[in-house]
Amino acid sequence: MYIGEVADATVVKLHCHSGKVSYLAYPDFDENSHPALVRGVKVALRSREVSCYEYADSENPPVLHRKEAFLHPEHPLYARFARLTQQEERKGLLVETATIGTRDGWDRRLSERGLELRGHRLVRCVRSNLTQNTVELRMNQWQQVTPLIG
């Protein structure tokens, strides 16, 4: 049985139907638009089983979306987080959630749409419009051209 507290927990998630409680550590919850999960502790209250998950050293940790859902509407940061979620919804970024739950998946989704985050704002990429795939495709096409020497 787990006795004590999870000192670095930022989010406490109650699983009403399964009788579990998750303590989730997102150290930069306030600052990062989609913070990475560093640690999770899940306690099954009925069976008294405890599961611990560590992501601190993960190259591709789970990331959090819709942060305002974890705050009271009167919290000072609620409106800022809700605006970002609304922007992401308008751009269709939050559909097919199975592919955006990790840092790599989320970064890929943003890149595919030509978007990036600046703080808690969604903006068009200032990078070149050519993606790496486009560059590689054009390189292959150029290599296939037979030069005419006259």
Protein backbone atom coordinates (compact mmCIF):
# COMPACT_ATOMS: atom_id res chain seq x y z
CA MET A 1 0.00 0.00 0.00
CA TYR A 2 1.19 3.51 -0.77
CA ILE A 3 1.61 5.62 2.34
CA GLY A 4 2.65 9.24 2.15
CA GLU A 5 2.35 11.92 -0.47
CA VAL A 6 3.52 12.46 -4.00
CA ALA A 7 5.33 15.73 -3.40
CA ASP A 8 5.84 16.77 -7.02
CA ALA A 9 2.32 15.92 -8.26
CA THR A 10 0.86 18.73 -10.32
CA VAL A 11 -2.34 16.97 -11.38
CA VAL A 12 -4.45 14.57 -9.35
CA LYS A 13 -6.78 12.53 -11.53
CA LEU A 14 -9.71 10.66 -9.99
CA HIS A 15 -10.89 7.63 -11.96
CA CYS A 16 -14.49 7.55 -10.72
CA HIS A 17 -15.57 4.24 -12.25
CA SER A 18 -12.43 2.21 -11.56
CA GLY A 19 -11.72 3.52 -8.08
CA LYS A 20 -8.19 4.69 -8.88
CA VAL A 21 -6.29 7.89 -8.23
CA SER A 22 -3.37 9.08 -10.36
CA TYR A 23 -0.79 11.57 -9.15
CA LEU A 24 0.91 13.12 -12.17
CA ALA A 25 4.05 15.26 -12.14
CA TYR A 26 4.32 17.95 -14.82
CA PRO A 27 7.07 20.21 -13.38
CA ASP A 28 6.54 22.99 -15.93
CA PHE A 29 2.74 22.82 -16.06
CA ASP A 30 2.26 26.60 -15.86
CA GLU A 31 5.03 27.58 -18.30
CA ASN A 32 4.97 24.89 -21.01
CA SER A 33 2.02 24.83 -23.40
CA HIS A 34 2.13 21.00 -23.54
CA PRO A 35 4.19 19.84 -20.58
CA ALA A 36 5.80 16.41 -20.55
CA LEU A 37 4.84 13.90 -17.89
CA VAL A 38 7.87 13.21 -15.70
CA ARG A 39 6.34 10.80 -13.19
CA GLY A 40 3.03 9.13 -12.50
CA VAL A 41 1.79 7.19 -9.52
CA LYS A 42 -1.51 5.32 -9.87
CA VAL A 43 -3.19 3.94 -6.76
CA ALA A 44 -5.98 1.38 -7.06
CA LEU A 45 -7.98 2.11 -3.94
CA ARG A 46 -9.95 -1.17 -3.91
CA SER A 47 -6.99 -3.51 -4.34
CA ARG A 48 -4.40 -1.19 -2.76
CA GLU A 49 -2.05 -1.72 -5.68
CA VAL A 50 0.37 1.01 -6.64
CA SER A 51 1.90 1.50 -10.09
CA CYS A 52 4.74 3.95 -10.67
CA TYR A 53 5.81 5.31 -14.04
CA GLU A 54 9.00 7.28 -14.69
CA TYR A 55 9.45 9.36 -17.84
CA ALA A 56 12.18 11.78 -16.70
CA ASP A 57 14.77 10.18 -18.99
CA SER A 58 12.37 9.38 -21.83
CA GLU A 59 13.17 10.84 -25.24
CA ASN A 60 9.48 10.72 -26.14
CA PRO A 61 7.40 11.28 -22.99
CA PRO A 62 3.61 11.65 -22.84
CA VAL A 63 2.44 15.27 -23.15
CA LEU A 64 -0.62 17.00 -21.75
CA HIS A 65 -3.30 18.68 -23.87
CA ARG A 66 -6.32 20.76 -22.81
CA LYS A 67 -4.65 21.99 -19.62
CA GLU A 68 -7.58 24.20 -18.69
CA ALA A 69 -9.61 21.04 -18.01
CA PHE A 70 -7.47 20.55 -14.89
CA LEU A 71 -8.07 24.03 -13.50
CA HIS A 72 -11.00 25.78 -11.89
CA PRO A 73 -12.50 28.37 -14.31
CA GLU A 74 -11.52 31.16 -11.88
CA HIS A 75 -7.82 30.14 -11.85
CA PRO A 76 -5.66 33.00 -13.21
CA LEU A 77 -4.24 30.83 -16.04
CA TYR A 78 -7.51 29.18 -17.08
CA ALA A 79 -8.37 31.69 -19.85
CA ARG A 80 -4.88 31.52 -21.36
CA PHE A 81 -4.92 27.72 -21.51
CA ALA A 82 -8.50 27.64 -22.85
CA ARG A 83 -7.58 30.07 -25.69
CA LEU A 84 -4.78 27.77 -26.80
CA THR A 85 -7.08 24.74 -26.78
CA GLN A 86 -9.64 26.68 -28.85
CA GLN A 87 -6.94 27.60 -31.40
CA GLU A 88 -5.83 23.97 -31.59
CA GLU A 89 -9.41 22.78 -32.06
CA ARG A 90 -10.04 25.29 -34.87
CA LYS A 91 -6.92 24.03 -36.67
CA GLY A 92 -8.01 20.40 -36.22
CA LEU A 93 -4.94 19.52 -34.17
CA LEU A 94 -6.77 17.63 -31.44
CA VAL A 95 -8.54 15.05 -33.63
CA GLU A 96 -7.16 11.52 -33.84
CA THR A 97 -5.78 11.81 -30.34
CA ALA A 98 -4.07 8.40 -30.48
CA THR A 99 -1.23 9.94 -32.50
CA ILE A 100 -0.58 13.10 -30.43
CA GLY A 101 -0.12 11.73 -26.92
CA THR A 102 3.68 11.85 -26.99
CA ARG A 103 6.16 14.63 -27.62
CA ASP A 104 7.16 13.21 -31.03
CA GLY A 105 3.57 12.66 -32.13
CA TRP A 106 2.56 16.17 -31.13
CA ASP A 107 5.59 17.77 -32.81
CA ARG A 108 4.85 15.77 -35.97
CA ARG A 109 1.21 16.97 -36.00
CA LEU A 110 2.29 20.60 -35.65
CA SER A 111 4.90 20.22 -38.38
CA GLU A 112 2.44 18.56 -40.78
CA ARG A 113 0.12 21.54 -40.38
CA GLY A 114 2.90 24.12 -40.72
CA LEU A 115 2.37 25.37 -37.18
CA GLU A 116 4.45 25.92 -34.10
CA LEU A 117 3.93 27.09 -30.55
CA ARG A 118 5.28 30.28 -29.07
CA GLY A 119 4.49 30.11 -25.41
CA HIS A 120 0.75 29.51 -25.27
CA ARG A 121 0.09 30.80 -28.80
CA LEU A 122 -0.24 28.82 -32.00
CA VAL A 123 1.48 30.45 -34.99
CA ARG A 124 2.40 29.62 -38.58
CA CYS A 125 5.93 28.30 -38.99
CA VAL A 126 8.48 30.84 -40.10
CA ARG A 127 10.62 28.06 -41.51
CA SER A 128 10.75 27.23 -45.18
CA ASN A 129 7.55 25.79 -46.62
CA LEU A 130 9.51 22.80 -47.92
CA THR A 131 9.33 19.80 -45.63
CA GLN A 132 12.16 17.29 -45.50
CA ASN A 133 10.04 14.83 -47.53
CA THR A 134 9.49 17.44 -50.25
CA VAL A 135 13.20 18.19 -50.42
CA GLU A 136 14.06 14.48 -50.69
CA LEU A 137 11.43 13.94 -53.40
CA ARG A 138 12.78 16.85 -55.46
CA MET A 139 16.35 15.61 -55.01
CA ASN A 140 15.30 12.20 -56.39
CA GLN A 141 13.56 13.84 -59.34
CA TRP A 142 16.63 15.91 -60.17
CA GLN A 143 18.86 12.84 -60.04
CA GLN A 144 16.62 11.06 -62.54
CA VAL A 145 16.94 13.78 -65.18
CA THR A 146 19.40 12.88 -67.96
CA PRO A 147 21.45 15.94 -68.91
CA LEU A 148 21.44 16.86 -72.61
CA ILE A 149 24.91 17.69 -73.91
CA GLY A 150 24.90 19.09 -77.34
